[in-house]
Protein backbone atom coordinates (compact mmCIF):
# COMPACT_ATOMS: atom_id res chain seq x y z
CA UNK A 1 97.97 95.20 94.61
CA UNK A 2 99.31 93.76 91.35
CA UNK A 3 97.75 90.83 89.58
CA UNK A 4 99.48 87.93 88.11
CA UNK A 5 98.46 86.83 84.79
CA UNK A 6 99.06 83.82 83.02
CA UNK A 7 99.02 83.63 79.34
CA UNK A 8 98.67 79.94 77.23
CA UNK A 9 98.94 79.51 73.69
CA UNK A 10 96.21 76.14 72.83
CA UNK A 11 98.48 75.41 70.04
CA UNK A 12 102.04 74.91 71.28
CA UNK A 13 101.58 75.00 74.96
CA UNK A 14 103.54 77.61 75.70
CA UNK A 15 103.07 79.92 78.51
CA UNK A 16 103.68 83.12 79.44
CA UNK A 17 103.26 85.13 82.54
CA UNK A 18 103.48 88.63 84.24
CA UNK A 19 102.30 91.17 87.07
CA UNK A 20 100.45 93.95 85.36
CA UNK A 21 102.65 96.18 87.04
CA UNK A 22 105.14 96.72 89.99
CA UNK A 23 107.65 99.65 91.36
CA UNK A 24 111.26 100.62 91.21
CA UNK A 25 113.33 103.01 92.78
CA UNK A 26 116.07 105.32 90.50
CA UNK A 27 119.17 105.27 92.21
CA UNK A 28 121.69 108.22 92.31
CA UNK A 29 124.26 106.33 89.48
CA UNK A 30 120.88 106.25 87.37
CA UNK A 31 120.22 102.83 87.71
CA UNK A 32 116.55 101.27 88.87
CA UNK A 33 116.48 98.84 91.66
CA UNK A 34 113.34 97.05 91.08
CA UNK A 35 111.22 96.11 94.16
CA UNK A 36 109.77 93.05 94.55
CA UNK A 37 105.92 92.53 96.21
CA UNK A 38 104.82 92.56 98.33
CA UNK A 39 107.59 94.55 101.07
CA UNK A 40 108.19 97.36 98.65
CA UNK A 41 108.48 98.97 101.63
CA UNK A 42 110.65 97.34 103.39
CA UNK A 43 113.02 96.57 99.80
CA UNK A 44 113.53 100.23 99.24
CA UNK A 45 115.46 100.71 102.75
CA UNK A 46 118.41 98.18 101.31
CA UNK A 47 118.88 101.05 98.76
CA UNK A 48 119.02 103.84 100.81
CA UNK A 49 115.60 105.17 101.23
CA UNK A 50 112.34 105.24 102.56
CA UNK A 51 109.29 104.60 100.78
CA UNK A 52 108.30 108.40 101.59
CA UNK A 53 111.59 110.01 101.16
CA UNK A 54 111.56 108.06 97.84
CA UNK A 55 108.17 108.72 96.19
CA UNK A 56 109.19 113.10 97.74
CA UNK A 57 112.03 112.72 95.86
CA UNK A 58 110.56 111.63 92.71
CA UNK A 59 112.31 108.16 92.40
CA UNK A 60 110.01 106.29 92.13
CA UNK A 61 109.25 104.20 88.83
CA UNK A 62 106.25 102.36 87.53
CA UNK A 63 106.56 99.70 85.71
CA UNK A 64 103.60 98.57 83.69
CA UNK A 65 103.32 95.22 81.65
CA UNK A 66 102.53 95.78 78.24
CA UNK A 67 101.19 93.05 75.23
CA UNK A 68 102.76 93.40 72.04
CA UNK A 69 99.51 92.74 69.97
CA UNK A 70 101.37 91.72 66.83
CA UNK A 71 103.48 89.41 68.55
CA UNK A 72 102.36 88.67 71.77
CA UNK A 73 105.65 89.96 73.37
CA UNK A 74 105.60 90.82 76.73
CA UNK A 75 107.63 94.12 77.79
CA UNK A 76 107.56 96.88 80.63
CA UNK A 77 106.79 100.27 80.17
CA UNK A 78 108.31 102.26 82.62
CA UNK A 79 107.80 105.71 83.87
CA UNK A 80 108.73 107.90 86.29
CA UNK A 81 106.43 108.83 88.86
CA UNK A 82 106.02 112.63 89.92
CA UNK A 83 107.00 113.57 93.38
CA UNK A 84 104.23 113.38 95.76
CA UNK A 85 103.20 112.40 99.53
CA UNK A 86 102.18 108.46 100.03
CA UNK A 87 101.84 108.76 103.84
CA UNK A 88 99.82 111.97 105.34
CA UNK A 89 102.04 111.75 108.06
CA UNK A 90 105.33 114.14 108.05
CA UNK A 91 108.16 113.52 109.34
CA UNK A 92 108.48 112.91 113.19
CA UNK A 93 110.52 116.59 113.98
CA UNK A 94 107.97 118.08 111.82
CA UNK A 95 104.69 116.46 113.94
CA UNK A 96 106.77 117.58 117.08
CA UNK A 97 106.64 121.20 116.73
CA UNK A 98 103.55 121.36 114.84
CA UNK A 99 101.72 119.37 117.44
CA UNK A 100 102.75 122.17 120.52
CA UNK A 101 101.97 125.01 118.44
CA UNK A 102 98.68 123.49 118.23
CA UNK A 103 98.64 122.69 121.72
CA UNK A 104 99.69 126.20 122.35
CA UNK A 105 97.08 127.71 120.52
CA UNK A 106 94.47 125.47 121.22
CA UNK A 107 95.26 126.53 125.00
CA UNK A 108 95.27 130.23 124.41
CA UNK A 109 91.99 130.43 122.87
CA UNK A 110 90.16 128.32 125.22
CA UNK A 111 91.48 130.73 128.02
CA UNK A 112 90.80 133.56 126.10
CA UNK A 113 86.64 133.08 125.92
CA UNK A 114 87.23 130.36 129.11
CA UNK A 115 86.04 127.53 127.22
CA UNK A 116 87.50 124.83 125.45
CA UNK A 117 84.54 124.31 123.05
CA UNK A 118 86.27 127.70 121.06
CA UNK A 119 89.50 126.22 121.75
CA UNK A 120 89.39 122.78 120.00
CA UNK A 121 88.37 123.80 116.61
CA UNK A 122 90.80 126.53 116.35
CA UNK A 123 93.55 124.49 117.00
CA UNK A 124 92.33 121.46 114.61
CA UNK A 125 92.42 124.02 111.54
CA UNK A 126 95.76 125.41 112.93
CA UNK A 127 97.07 122.22 113.02
CA UNK A 128 95.75 120.97 109.73
CA UNK A 129 97.25 124.31 108.53
CA UNK A 130 100.98 123.86 109.93
CA UNK A 131 101.22 120.79 108.24
CA UNK A 132 99.91 121.60 104.82
CA UNK A 133 102.28 124.64 105.20
CA UNK A 134 105.00 121.99 106.01
CA UNK A 135 104.51 119.40 104.01
CA UNK A 136 104.21 122.05 101.16
CA UNK A 137 107.59 123.45 101.81
CA UNK A 138 109.11 119.68 102.44
CA UNK A 139 107.94 118.73 98.84
CA UNK A 140 109.62 122.22 96.98
CA UNK A 141 112.67 121.31 98.68
CA UNK A 142 112.96 118.08 97.37
CA UNK A 143 111.86 118.75 94.00
CA UNK A 144 114.04 121.33 93.66
CA UNK A 145 117.08 119.21 95.23
CA UNK A 146 116.22 116.51 92.68
CA UNK A 147 114.85 118.42 89.32
CA UNK A 148 118.57 117.80 87.32
CA UNK A 149 118.53 114.02 88.13
CA UNK A 150 114.59 113.48 87.56
CA UNK A 151 115.03 115.15 84.37
CA UNK A 152 118.05 112.73 83.52
CA UNK A 153 115.57 109.52 84.31
CA UNK A 154 112.91 110.83 82.44
CA UNK A 155 114.96 110.45 79.29
CA UNK A 156 116.71 107.14 80.73
CA UNK A 157 112.98 105.75 81.02
CA UNK A 158 111.13 107.07 77.78
CA UNK A 159 109.30 104.45 76.76
CA UNK A 160 109.92 103.47 72.73
CA UNK A 161 107.96 103.43 70.69
CA UNK A 162 107.44 100.29 68.98
CA UNK A 163 107.96 96.67 70.13
CA UNK A 164 112.02 95.28 70.32
CA UNK A 165 110.46 92.25 68.96
CA UNK A 166 108.55 92.59 65.88
CA UNK A 167 108.49 96.82 65.48
CA UNK A 168 105.16 96.72 65.98
CA UNK A 169 103.23 99.91 67.25
CA UNK A 170 99.78 97.98 69.02
CA UNK A 171 100.07 97.40 72.62
CA UNK A 172 97.75 96.53 75.20
CA UNK A 173 98.02 96.52 79.34
CA UNK A 174 98.74 92.97 80.49
CA UNK A 175 95.38 93.32 83.20
CA UNK A 176 93.30 94.50 79.78
CA UNK A 177 94.55 91.99 77.88
CA UNK A 178 91.59 90.03 78.66
CA UNK A 179 89.25 91.99 75.76
CA UNK A 180 92.02 91.36 73.56
CA UNK A 181 93.46 88.09 74.10
CA UNK A 182 91.69 86.45 71.14
CA UNK A 183 93.39 88.62 68.91
CA UNK A 184 96.70 87.95 70.78
CA UNK A 185 99.46 86.32 68.80
CA UNK A 186 101.57 83.23 71.21
CA UNK A 187 105.23 84.83 70.65
CA UNK A 188 106.57 81.58 70.38
CA UNK A 189 104.37 79.73 67.30
CA UNK A 190 102.46 83.24 66.10
CA UNK A 191 99.57 81.36 66.21
CA UNK A 192 95.99 83.02 67.60
CA UNK A 193 93.51 82.52 70.16
CA UNK A 194 95.47 82.62 73.48
CA UNK A 195 93.71 82.04 76.59
CA UNK A 196 94.45 84.28 80.19
CA UNK A 197 93.54 83.96 83.51
CA UNK A 198 94.28 85.68 87.11
CA UNK A 199 96.71 83.43 88.32
CA UNK A 200 97.13 85.32 91.64
CA UNK A 201 96.84 88.50 93.35
CA UNK A 202 101.06 89.55 94.63
């Protein structure tokens, strides 16, 4: 779960705050729709996707919030995530036929050996194998379908090598800034010695 961090400057009393990470979804028009937390699963449906399908298509963007160690500016580094399953359960249509195939194999083996104890382990192995094969096939189809778009999105989201405010190239993740906070500069007055605390969990 994302943490909500708050930086405070003891000199100018300026404050800045940020989540340490968040998620977005790439749309077909090459724009990113950012998803608030909690509730990503529901919000993503407003953009025409399910959470599982968006991961399967490789549309999910992970946004890591970084702090520039030279000027203290907080900015996002966005990375396109590789296609994968986030839900171990396949679509309902897949469950339907694999379930009946498993039942048929289980009953067939049980009748052949005249023992349900022989049928159950064989049925379980059959179910797991069929599920894995269907997942693999669906993932390959999704990767093929969105390959060109994902290549374009990856270029659009390519992180910059330097800070847009000062040109520095030293960054630290917001969530790890507690180790470097004494050396971080205030983006308002440029003083060192910021204080940092975890204000909450989103």
